[in-house]
Amino acid sequence: MMVTRWHLLAVVGTFVTGLVLPALAADSSKEHKPVIAALKADESLEHVDVFAGIEQGILDVKLIPQDALGGNILIENKGAKPLNVDFPPAFIGKQVLKQAPAQQQNNGNGLNGLANLAGQAGGGSQVQGGGIGQGNGNGAPGGNPGAGGPGNRNGFFSVPTDKIVRVAYRSVCLEHGKPDPSPRMTYRLGKVEEFSDDPVLVETLKIVASGEYDPQAGQAVAWHVANKMSWKKLGEKSIQHIGNPATRYFTKETLARAQNIHATAVARAKEQEAKTANLTADSATPGTIVKRD
């Protein structure tokens, strides 16, 4: 029986596949880490700020929005030892837009470039703002182990090297008019000051993270502070229904609660400003000199 070229290629392909696939399977099994709920902090371990860990390449952090009002954070420790990972009281989530492929563009100057079409069109979904608050790390409200830590550590969790830790967060949207976040979108964790330096917004996001008030009221405050929407305009915002009358996006009761949240956030921002001013004054005051005869 004559052996054709196609028979030979098939035999060689089968042989190569038999060599390559087991190697790929072995590599993927090495990289696979189970995802677990947040672990109680072990104070015998070193603490690392989540943003410092990301910058140093020690931590790989993925933000997965469930919807406008929250989602989950996956934290992978890529270092050589377990760590306690510290989170700030509030943070943002920002969509990572995919860049369009390089395209030849004739603009009269013969210039070629890489065009991020979504960015040029002002695309992208809303920035999220919130925090881990008292979430329990498994996507539901509860009590995060380590939540409410000392200083600026709103929450801290023990993250081993052989597992990925999942932590729940609460949030609101900060850019009215843009699409809401969804699990299909890629988001990254960011500092609040990347979006705004408004102390009232920071305190609002802390309240949102804590779950002290209903999320819808928190959303009204966020748009009021971040997007300068008046209470009147928020009250007029509606949801259109096919074949049925439109309904109010925010009820009067929700807006009343929102105004209470805003008043609380303003008061807390002023309190933080006073504390900062006192600390600055204390550090600037020279020591008392006692004159001896």
C-alpha atoms as a PDB file:
ATOM      1  CA  MET A   1       0.000   0.000   0.000  1.00  0.00           C
ATOM      2  CA  MET A   2       1.446   3.342  -1.025  1.00  0.00           C
ATOM      3  CA  VAL A   3       2.069   5.829   1.793  1.00  0.00           C
ATOM      4  CA  THR A   4       1.023   9.273   0.621  1.00  0.00           C
ATOM      5  CA  ARG A   5       2.364  12.619   1.785  1.00  0.00           C
ATOM      6  CA  TRP A   6      -0.881  13.205   3.699  1.00  0.00           C
ATOM      7  CA  HIS A   7      -0.447   9.941   5.607  1.00  0.00           C
ATOM      8  CA  LEU A   8       3.056  11.007   6.634  1.00  0.00           C
ATOM      9  CA  LEU A   9       1.840  14.423   7.767  1.00  0.00           C
ATOM     10  CA  ALA A  10      -0.912  12.835   9.817  1.00  0.00           C
ATOM     11  CA  VAL A  11       1.551  10.494  11.553  1.00  0.00           C
ATOM     12  CA  VAL A  12       3.993  13.331  12.293  1.00  0.00           C
ATOM     13  CA  GLY A  13       1.156  15.568  13.530  1.00  0.00           C
ATOM     14  CA  THR A  14      -0.088  12.872  15.895  1.00  0.00           C
ATOM     15  CA  PHE A  15       3.429  12.343  17.242  1.00  0.00           C
ATOM     16  CA  VAL A  16       4.023  16.076  17.849  1.00  0.00           C
ATOM     17  CA  THR A  17       0.619  16.491  19.462  1.00  0.00           C
ATOM     18  CA  GLY A  18       1.405  13.624  21.803  1.00  0.00           C
ATOM     19  CA  LEU A  19       4.539  15.438  22.926  1.00  0.00           C
ATOM     20  CA  VAL A  20       3.156  18.996  23.191  1.00  0.00           C
ATOM     21  CA  LEU A  21      -0.244  18.529  24.820  1.00  0.00           C
ATOM     22  CA  PRO A  22       1.031  16.791  27.999  1.00  0.00           C
ATOM     23  CA  ALA A  23       3.579  19.605  28.443  1.00  0.00           C
ATOM     24  CA  LEU A  24       0.881  22.264  28.068  1.00  0.00           C
ATOM     25  CA  ALA A  25      -1.349  20.401  30.492  1.00  0.00           C
ATOM     26  CA  ALA A  26       1.472  20.242  33.021  1.00  0.00           C
ATOM     27  CA  ASP A  27       2.146  23.979  32.702  1.00  0.00           C
ATOM     28  CA  SER A  28      -1.519  24.893  33.063  1.00  0.00           C
ATOM     29  CA  SER A  29      -1.884  22.679  36.137  1.00  0.00           C
ATOM     30  CA  LYS A  30       1.047  24.507  37.731  1.00  0.00           C
ATOM     31  CA  GLU A  31      -0.619  27.884  37.120  1.00  0.00           C
ATOM     32  CA  HIS A  32      -4.088  26.883  38.296  1.00  0.00           C
ATOM     33  CA  LYS A  33      -4.987  28.225  41.721  1.00  0.00           C
ATOM     34  CA  PRO A  34      -8.304  27.669  43.494  1.00  0.00           C
ATOM     35  CA  VAL A  35     -10.397  30.739  44.324  1.00  0.00           C
ATOM     36  CA  ILE A  36     -11.380  31.038  47.985  1.00  0.00           C
ATOM     37  CA  ALA A  37     -13.299  33.510  50.151  1.00  0.00           C
ATOM     38  CA  ALA A  38     -11.327  36.116  52.102  1.00  0.00           C
ATOM     39  CA  LEU A  39      -9.245  34.711  54.935  1.00  0.00           C
ATOM     40  CA  LYS A  40      -8.932  36.249  58.375  1.00  0.00           C
ATOM     41  CA  ALA A  41      -5.751  38.287  58.623  1.00  0.00           C
ATOM     42  CA  ASP A  42      -2.765  36.660  60.277  1.00  0.00           C
ATOM     43  CA  GLU A  43      -0.974  39.432  62.179  1.00  0.00           C
ATOM     44  CA  SER A  44       2.246  37.434  62.163  1.00  0.00           C
ATOM     45  CA  LEU A  45       2.458  38.138  58.427  1.00  0.00           C
ATOM     46  CA  GLU A  46       3.806  41.232  56.716  1.00  0.00           C
ATOM     47  CA  HIS A  47       1.287  43.849  55.552  1.00  0.00           C
ATOM     48  CA  VAL A  48       1.367  45.265  52.034  1.00  0.00           C
ATOM     49  CA  ASP A  49      -0.783  48.051  50.605  1.00  0.00           C
ATOM     50  CA  VAL A  50      -2.781  46.721  47.670  1.00  0.00           C
ATOM     51  CA  PHE A  51      -1.616  49.476  45.299  1.00  0.00           C
ATOM     52  CA  ALA A  52       2.024  49.119  46.366  1.00  0.00           C
ATOM     53  CA  GLY A  53       1.739  45.384  45.813  1.00  0.00           C
ATOM     54  CA  ILE A  54       0.344  45.902  42.312  1.00  0.00           C
ATOM     55  CA  GLU A  55       3.088  48.402  41.400  1.00  0.00           C
ATOM     56  CA  GLN A  56       5.807  46.056  42.693  1.00  0.00           C
ATOM     57  CA  GLY A  57       4.388  43.084  40.817  1.00  0.00           C
ATOM     58  CA  ILE A  58       3.746  41.182  44.042  1.00  0.00           C
ATOM     59  CA  LEU A  59      -0.035  41.216  43.586  1.00  0.00           C
ATOM     60  CA  ASP A  60      -2.229  40.552  40.587  1.00  0.00           C
ATOM     61  CA  VAL A  61      -5.626  42.156  41.238  1.00  0.00           C
ATOM     62  CA  LYS A  62      -8.682  41.801  39.015  1.00  0.00           C
ATOM     63  CA  LEU A  63     -11.865  43.828  39.478  1.00  0.00           C
ATOM     64  CA  ILE A  64     -14.983  42.037  38.228  1.00  0.00           C
ATOM     65  CA  PRO A  65     -18.103  44.219  38.383  1.00  0.00           C
ATOM     66  CA  GLN A  66     -21.348  42.345  38.825  1.00  0.00           C
ATOM     67  CA  ASP A  67     -23.357  45.461  38.018  1.00  0.00           C
ATOM     68  CA  ALA A  68     -23.382  49.177  38.877  1.00  0.00           C
ATOM     69  CA  LEU A  69     -23.630  48.495  42.615  1.00  0.00           C
ATOM     70  CA  GLY A  70     -20.794  46.074  43.220  1.00  0.00           C
ATOM     71  CA  GLY A  71     -18.857  42.978  42.289  1.00  0.00           C
ATOM     72  CA  ASN A  72     -15.825  40.977  43.338  1.00  0.00           C
ATOM     73  CA  ILE A  73     -12.085  41.516  43.533  1.00  0.00           C
ATOM     74  CA  LEU A  74      -9.706  38.621  42.872  1.00  0.00           C
ATOM     75  CA  ILE A  75      -6.332  38.934  44.598  1.00  0.00           C
ATOM     76  CA  GLU A  76      -3.405  36.708  43.631  1.00  0.00           C
ATOM     77  CA  ASN A  77      -0.196  36.735  45.660  1.00  0.00           C
ATOM     78  CA  LYS A  78       2.671  36.223  43.192  1.00  0.00           C
ATOM     79  CA  GLY A  79       5.352  36.557  45.862  1.00  0.00           C
ATOM     80  CA  ALA A  80       7.220  33.881  47.767  1.00  0.00           C
ATOM     81  CA  LYS A  81       5.366  34.169  51.091  1.00  0.00           C
ATOM     82  CA  PRO A  82       1.826  34.779  52.401  1.00  0.00           C
ATOM     83  CA  LEU A  83       0.869  38.420  52.980  1.00  0.00           C
ATOM     84  CA  ASN A  84      -1.809  40.543  54.602  1.00  0.00           C
ATOM     85  CA  VAL A  85      -3.173  42.821  51.873  1.00  0.00           C
ATOM     86  CA  ASP A  86      -4.447  46.217  53.042  1.00  0.00           C
ATOM     87  CA  PHE A  87      -7.217  48.117  51.246  1.00  0.00           C
ATOM     88  CA  PRO A  88      -7.997  51.845  51.543  1.00  0.00           C
ATOM     89  CA  PRO A  89     -11.428  52.914  52.842  1.00  0.00           C
ATOM     90  CA  ALA A  90     -12.516  53.817  49.296  1.00  0.00           C
ATOM     91  CA  PHE A  91     -11.319  53.163  45.761  1.00  0.00           C
ATOM     92  CA  ILE A  92     -12.504  53.328  42.156  1.00  0.00           C
ATOM     93  CA  GLY A  93     -12.893  50.819  39.367  1.00  0.00           C
ATOM     94  CA  LYS A  94     -12.061  52.039  35.882  1.00  0.00           C
ATOM     95  CA  GLN A  95     -12.764  50.243  32.626  1.00  0.00           C
ATOM     96  CA  VAL A  96      -9.746  49.163  30.600  1.00  0.00           C
ATOM     97  CA  LEU A  97     -10.569  49.967  26.988  1.00  0.00           C
ATOM     98  CA  LYS A  98      -9.196  47.750  24.261  1.00  0.00           C
ATOM     99  CA  GLN A  99      -7.022  49.503  21.716  1.00  0.00           C
ATOM    100  CA  ALA A 100      -7.940  49.270  18.074  1.00  0.00           C
ATOM    101  CA  PRO A 101      -5.339  47.583  15.825  1.00  0.00           C
ATOM    102  CA  ALA A 102      -2.770  49.781  14.159  1.00  0.00           C
ATOM    103  CA  GLN A 103      -4.243  51.275  11.034  1.00  0.00           C
ATOM    104  CA  GLN A 104      -2.761  53.097   8.096  1.00  0.00           C
ATOM    105  CA  GLN A 105      -4.129  56.628   8.120  1.00  0.00           C
ATOM    106  CA  ASN A 106      -3.572  59.191   5.380  1.00  0.00           C
ATOM    107  CA  ASN A 107      -4.018  62.591   6.957  1.00  0.00           C
ATOM    108  CA  GLY A 108      -2.124  64.575   4.364  1.00  0.00           C
ATOM    109  CA  ASN A 109       1.143  64.262   6.254  1.00  0.00           C
ATOM    110  CA  GLY A 110       1.678  60.581   5.579  1.00  0.00           C
ATOM    111  CA  LEU A 111       1.447  59.768   9.298  1.00  0.00           C
ATOM    112  CA  ASN A 112       0.477  56.346  10.614  1.00  0.00           C
ATOM    113  CA  GLY A 113      -0.683  55.682  14.145  1.00  0.00           C
ATOM    114  CA  LEU A 114      -2.403  53.498  16.659  1.00  0.00           C
ATOM    115  CA  ALA A 115      -5.993  54.660  17.112  1.00  0.00           C
ATOM    116  CA  ASN A 116      -7.913  53.886  20.246  1.00  0.00           C
ATOM    117  CA  LEU A 117     -11.307  54.367  18.648  1.00  0.00           C
ATOM    118  CA  ALA A 118     -13.280  53.942  21.858  1.00  0.00           C
ATOM    119  CA  GLY A 119     -11.152  56.522  23.616  1.00  0.00           C
ATOM    120  CA  GLN A 120     -11.382  58.985  20.732  1.00  0.00           C
ATOM    121  CA  ALA A 121     -15.154  58.711  20.757  1.00  0.00           C
ATOM    122  CA  GLY A 122     -15.314  59.271  24.515  1.00  0.00           C
ATOM    123  CA  GLY A 123     -16.463  55.661  24.951  1.00  0.00           C
ATOM    124  CA  GLY A 124     -16.282  53.392  27.920  1.00  0.00           C
ATOM    125  CA  SER A 125     -18.563  52.619  30.806  1.00  0.00           C
ATOM    126  CA  GLN A 126     -18.963  54.529  34.037  1.00  0.00           C
ATOM    127  CA  VAL A 127     -16.207  54.640  36.607  1.00  0.00           C
ATOM    128  CA  GLN A 128     -17.250  52.818  39.773  1.00  0.00           C
ATOM    129  CA  GLY A 129     -16.538  54.115  43.254  1.00  0.00           C
ATOM    130  CA  GLY A 130     -16.880  52.291  46.549  1.00  0.00           C
ATOM    131  CA  GLY A 131     -15.006  49.943  48.831  1.00  0.00           C
ATOM    132  CA  ILE A 132     -14.969  46.575  50.532  1.00  0.00           C
ATOM    133  CA  GLY A 133     -16.749  47.850  53.636  1.00  0.00           C
ATOM    134  CA  GLN A 134     -18.280  44.949  55.479  1.00  0.00           C
ATOM    135  CA  GLY A 135     -18.547  42.548  52.529  1.00  0.00           C
ATOM    136  CA  ASN A 136     -17.651  38.955  53.406  1.00  0.00           C
ATOM    137  CA  GLY A 137     -15.502  38.236  50.394  1.00  0.00           C
ATOM    138  CA  ASN A 138     -17.901  35.820  48.735  1.00  0.00           C
ATOM    139  CA  GLY A 139     -20.088  38.245  46.821  1.00  0.00           C
ATOM    140  CA  ALA A 140     -22.672  38.855  49.536  1.00  0.00           C
ATOM    141  CA  PRO A 141     -23.020  41.368  52.358  1.00  0.00           C
ATOM    142  CA  GLY A 142     -21.586  40.181  55.607  1.00  0.00           C
ATOM    143  CA  GLY A 143     -18.486  40.677  57.717  1.00  0.00           C
ATOM    144  CA  ASN A 144     -15.137  40.831  55.981  1.00  0.00           C
ATOM    145  CA  PRO A 145     -12.441  39.292  58.175  1.00  0.00           C
ATOM    146  CA  GLY A 146     -10.127  42.129  59.057  1.00  0.00           C
ATOM    147  CA  ALA A 147     -12.549  44.869  57.924  1.00  0.00           C
ATOM    148  CA  GLY A 148     -12.174  48.082  59.870  1.00  0.00           C
ATOM    149  CA  GLY A 149      -8.441  47.854  60.407  1.00  0.00           C
ATOM    150  CA  PRO A 150      -6.248  50.492  62.075  1.00  0.00           C
ATOM    151  CA  GLY A 151      -5.307  53.755  60.411  1.00  0.00           C
ATOM    152  CA  ASN A 152      -6.227  53.886  56.743  1.00  0.00           C
ATOM    153  CA  ARG A 153      -6.627  50.127  56.492  1.00  0.00           C
ATOM    154  CA  ASN A 154     -10.335  49.710  55.925  1.00  0.00           C
ATOM    155  CA  GLY A 155      -9.875  45.995  55.393  1.00  0.00           C
ATOM    156  CA  PHE A 156      -7.004  43.552  55.270  1.00  0.00           C
ATOM    157  CA  PHE A 157      -6.915  39.903  54.365  1.00  0.00           C
ATOM    158  CA  SER A 158      -4.418  37.098  54.458  1.00  0.00           C
ATOM    159  CA  VAL A 159      -3.539  36.049  50.918  1.00  0.00           C
ATOM    160  CA  PRO A 160      -1.555  32.793  50.540  1.00  0.00           C
ATOM    161  CA  THR A 161       0.679  32.073  47.562  1.00  0.00           C
ATOM    162  CA  ASP A 162      -1.191  28.968  46.406  1.00  0.00           C
ATOM    163  CA  LYS A 163      -4.737  30.373  46.287  1.00  0.00           C
ATOM    164  CA  ILE A 164      -6.610  33.363  44.853  1.00  0.00           C
ATOM    165  CA  VAL A 165      -8.683  35.319  47.361  1.00  0.00           C
ATOM    166  CA  ARG A 166     -12.096  36.701  46.411  1.00  0.00           C
ATOM    167  CA  VAL A 167     -13.364  39.829  48.164  1.00  0.00           C
ATOM    168  CA  ALA A 168     -16.768  41.463  47.598  1.00  0.00           C
ATOM    169  CA  TYR A 169     -17.124  45.226  47.172  1.00  0.00           C
ATOM    170  CA  ARG A 170     -20.008  47.698  47.114  1.00  0.00           C
ATOM    171  CA  SER A 171     -20.061  50.567  44.651  1.00  0.00           C
ATOM    172  CA  VAL A 172     -21.954  53.264  42.783  1.00  0.00           C
ATOM    173  CA  CYS A 173     -21.425  54.772  39.337  1.00  0.00           C
ATOM    174  CA  LEU A 174     -19.663  58.113  38.983  1.00  0.00           C
ATOM    175  CA  GLU A 175     -20.276  59.182  35.366  1.00  0.00           C
ATOM    176  CA  HIS A 176     -23.946  59.731  34.643  1.00  0.00           C
ATOM    177  CA  GLY A 177     -24.950  59.078  31.044  1.00  0.00           C
ATOM    178  CA  LYS A 178     -22.400  56.368  30.295  1.00  0.00           C
ATOM    179  CA  PRO A 179     -23.241  52.631  30.239  1.00  0.00           C
ATOM    180  CA  ASP A 180     -23.286  50.690  33.515  1.00  0.00           C
ATOM    181  CA  PRO A 181     -20.474  48.239  34.321  1.00  0.00           C
ATOM    182  CA  SER A 182     -21.050  44.533  33.665  1.00  0.00           C
ATOM    183  CA  PRO A 183     -19.114  41.272  34.158  1.00  0.00           C
ATOM    184  CA  ARG A 184     -18.228  41.260  30.438  1.00  0.00           C
ATOM    185  CA  MET A 185     -16.109  44.386  30.882  1.00  0.00           C
ATOM    186  CA  THR A 186     -12.508  44.552  32.063  1.00  0.00           C
ATOM    187  CA  TYR A 187     -12.014  46.881  35.029  1.00  0.00           C
ATOM    188  CA  ARG A 188      -8.962  47.767  37.072  1.00  0.00           C
ATOM    189  CA  LEU A 189      -8.623  48.911  40.659  1.00  0.00           C
ATOM    190  CA  GLY A 190      -7.658  52.566  41.099  1.00  0.00           C
ATOM    191  CA  LYS A 191      -7.196  55.279  43.710  1.00  0.00           C
ATOM    192  CA  VAL A 192     -10.029  57.771  44.209  1.00  0.00           C
ATOM    193  CA  GLU A 193      -7.694  60.684  43.482  1.00  0.00           C
ATOM    194  CA  GLU A 194      -7.273  59.358  39.930  1.00  0.00           C
ATOM    195  CA  PHE A 195     -10.890  60.418  39.399  1.00  0.00           C
ATOM    196  CA  SER A 196     -11.467  63.267  41.879  1.00  0.00           C
ATOM    197  CA  ASP A 197      -9.874  65.046  44.829  1.00  0.00           C
ATOM    198  CA  ASP A 198     -13.253  66.037  46.313  1.00  0.00           C
ATOM    199  CA  PRO A 199     -13.213  64.996  50.006  1.00  0.00           C
ATOM    200  CA  VAL A 200     -17.027  64.855  50.055  1.00  0.00           C
ATOM    201  CA  LEU A 201     -16.938  62.223  47.308  1.00  0.00           C
ATOM    202  CA  VAL A 202     -14.388  60.211  49.294  1.00  0.00           C
ATOM    203  CA  GLU A 203     -16.632  60.238  52.374  1.00  0.00           C
ATOM    204  CA  THR A 204     -19.644  59.362  50.211  1.00  0.00           C
ATOM    205  CA  LEU A 205     -17.827  56.305  48.850  1.00  0.00           C
ATOM    206  CA  LYS A 206     -16.876  55.235  52.378  1.00  0.00           C
ATOM    207  CA  ILE A 207     -20.555  55.344  53.332  1.00  0.00           C
ATOM    208  CA  VAL A 208     -21.490  53.387  50.199  1.00  0.00           C
ATOM    209  CA  ALA A 209     -18.876  50.753  51.051  1.00  0.00           C
ATOM    210  CA  SER A 210     -20.176  50.401  54.604  1.00  0.00           C
ATOM    211  CA  GLY A 211     -23.699  49.518  53.511  1.00  0.00           C
ATOM    212  CA  GLU A 212     -25.154  51.986  56.024  1.00  0.00           C
ATOM    213  CA  TYR A 213     -27.791  53.153  53.529  1.00  0.00           C
ATOM    214  CA  ASP A 214     -29.598  51.613  50.566  1.00  0.00           C
ATOM    215  CA  PRO A 215     -27.522  51.556  47.356  1.00  0.00           C
ATOM    216  CA  GLN A 216     -30.030  53.587  45.323  1.00  0.00           C
ATOM    217  CA  ALA A 217     -29.747  56.520  47.730  1.00  0.00           C
ATOM    218  CA  GLY A 218     -25.974  56.213  47.560  1.00  0.00           C
ATOM    219  CA  GLN A 219     -26.142  56.371  43.773  1.00  0.00           C
ATOM    220  CA  ALA A 220     -28.143  59.592  43.902  1.00  0.00           C
ATOM    221  CA  VAL A 221     -25.529  61.200  46.154  1.00  0.00           C
ATOM    222  CA  ALA A 222     -22.673  60.012  43.936  1.00  0.00           C
ATOM    223  CA  TRP A 223     -24.162  61.643  40.838  1.00  0.00           C
ATOM    224  CA  HIS A 224     -25.012  64.756  42.848  1.00  0.00           C
ATOM    225  CA  VAL A 225     -21.401  65.124  44.048  1.00  0.00           C
ATOM    226  CA  ALA A 226     -19.395  63.745  41.118  1.00  0.00           C
ATOM    227  CA  ASN A 227     -21.541  65.038  38.231  1.00  0.00           C
ATOM    228  CA  LYS A 228     -23.080  68.132  39.853  1.00  0.00           C
ATOM    229  CA  MET A 229     -26.615  66.918  39.205  1.00  0.00           C
ATOM    230  CA  SER A 230     -29.155  68.897  41.227  1.00  0.00           C
ATOM    231  CA  TRP A 231     -31.656  67.137  43.480  1.00  0.00           C
ATOM    232  CA  LYS A 232     -34.370  68.454  41.168  1.00  0.00           C
ATOM    233  CA  LYS A 233     -32.748  66.912  38.099  1.00  0.00           C
ATOM    234  CA  LEU A 234     -32.233  63.626  39.923  1.00  0.00           C
ATOM    235  CA  GLY A 235     -35.910  63.681  40.905  1.00  0.00           C
ATOM    236  CA  GLU A 236     -36.894  64.133  37.256  1.00  0.00           C
ATOM    237  CA  LYS A 237     -34.791  61.217  36.018  1.00  0.00           C
ATOM    238  CA  SER A 238     -37.059  58.426  34.774  1.00  0.00           C
ATOM    239  CA  ILE A 239     -37.023  54.901  33.387  1.00  0.00           C
ATOM    240  CA  GLN A 240     -38.868  54.350  30.115  1.00  0.00           C
ATOM    241  CA  HIS A 241     -41.010  51.220  29.702  1.00  0.00           C
ATOM    242  CA  ILE A 242     -42.363  49.908  26.402  1.00  0.00           C
ATOM    243  CA  GLY A 243     -46.152  49.997  26.502  1.00  0.00           C
ATOM    244  CA  ASN A 244     -46.256  51.374  30.051  1.00  0.00           C
ATOM    245  CA  PRO A 245     -45.804  54.797  31.637  1.00  0.00           C
ATOM    246  CA  ALA A 246     -42.320  55.864  32.676  1.00  0.00           C
ATOM    247  CA  THR A 247     -41.369  55.477  36.333  1.00  0.00           C
ATOM    248  CA  ARG A 248     -39.130  57.636  38.488  1.00  0.00           C
ATOM    249  CA  TYR A 249     -35.538  56.467  38.789  1.00  0.00           C
ATOM    250  CA  PHE A 250     -35.407  57.793  42.354  1.00  0.00           C
ATOM    251  CA  THR A 251     -38.447  57.976  44.642  1.00  0.00           C
ATOM    252  CA  LYS A 252     -38.989  60.956  46.924  1.00  0.00           C
ATOM    253  CA  GLU A 253     -38.130  58.756  49.907  1.00  0.00           C
ATOM    254  CA  THR A 254     -34.875  57.658  48.255  1.00  0.00           C
ATOM    255  CA  LEU A 255     -33.869  61.254  47.541  1.00  0.00           C
ATOM    256  CA  ALA A 256     -34.644  62.215  51.134  1.00  0.00           C
ATOM    257  CA  ARG A 257     -32.284  59.472  52.329  1.00  0.00           C
ATOM    258  CA  ALA A 258     -29.741  60.617  49.739  1.00  0.00           C
ATOM    259  CA  GLN A 259     -29.771  64.146  51.123  1.00  0.00           C
ATOM    260  CA  ASN A 260     -29.132  62.736  54.602  1.00  0.00           C
ATOM    261  CA  ILE A 261     -26.165  60.774  53.243  1.00  0.00           C
ATOM    262  CA  HIS A 262     -24.846  63.919  51.580  1.00  0.00           C
ATOM    263  CA  ALA A 263     -25.130  65.906  54.813  1.00  0.00           C
ATOM    264  CA  THR A 264     -23.262  63.151  56.668  1.00  0.00           C
ATOM    265  CA  ALA A 265     -20.539  63.035  54.008  1.00  0.00           C
ATOM    266  CA  VAL A 266     -20.083  66.819  54.121  1.00  0.00           C
ATOM    267  CA  ALA A 267     -19.815  66.749  57.934  1.00  0.00           C
ATOM    268  CA  ARG A 268     -17.273  63.907  57.867  1.00  0.00           C
ATOM    269  CA  ALA A 269     -15.225  65.668  55.188  1.00  0.00           C
ATOM    270  CA  LYS A 270     -15.073  68.807  57.344  1.00  0.00           C
ATOM    271  CA  GLU A 271     -14.081  66.720  60.356  1.00  0.00           C
ATOM    272  CA  GLN A 272     -11.266  65.057  58.383  1.00  0.00           C
ATOM    273  CA  GLU A 273     -10.115  68.456  57.115  1.00  0.00           C
ATOM    274  CA  ALA A 274      -9.990  69.793  60.689  1.00  0.00           C
ATOM    275  CA  LYS A 275      -7.976  66.765  61.853  1.00  0.00           C
ATOM    276  CA  THR A 276      -5.517  67.202  59.012  1.00  0.00           C
ATOM    277  CA  ALA A 277      -5.156  70.913  59.776  1.00  0.00           C
ATOM    278  CA  ASN A 278      -4.492  70.177  63.470  1.00  0.00           C
ATOM    279  CA  LEU A 279      -1.861  67.573  62.623  1.00  0.00           C
ATOM    280  CA  THR A 280      -0.176  69.994  60.239  1.00  0.00           C
ATOM    281  CA  ALA A 281      -0.210  72.744  62.859  1.00  0.00           C
ATOM    282  CA  ASP A 282       1.213  70.423  65.515  1.00  0.00           C
ATOM    283  CA  SER A 283       4.042  69.284  63.276  1.00  0.00           C
ATOM    284  CA  ALA A 284       4.871  72.895  62.345  1.00  0.00           C
ATOM    285  CA  THR A 285       4.921  74.167  65.953  1.00  0.00           C
ATOM    286  CA  PRO A 286       8.522  74.461  67.183  1.00  0.00           C
ATOM    287  CA  GLY A 287       9.422  72.905  70.525  1.00  0.00           C
ATOM    288  CA  THR A 288       9.181  75.094  73.617  1.00  0.00           C
ATOM    289  CA  ILE A 289      12.524  76.534  74.687  1.00  0.00           C
ATOM    290  CA  VAL A 290      12.986  76.807  78.443  1.00  0.00           C
ATOM    291  CA  LYS A 291      15.433  79.536  79.519  1.00  0.00           C
ATOM    292  CA  ARG A 292      17.606  78.571  82.490  1.00  0.00           C
ATOM    293  CA  ASP A 293      19.398  81.077  84.703  1.00  0.00           C
END
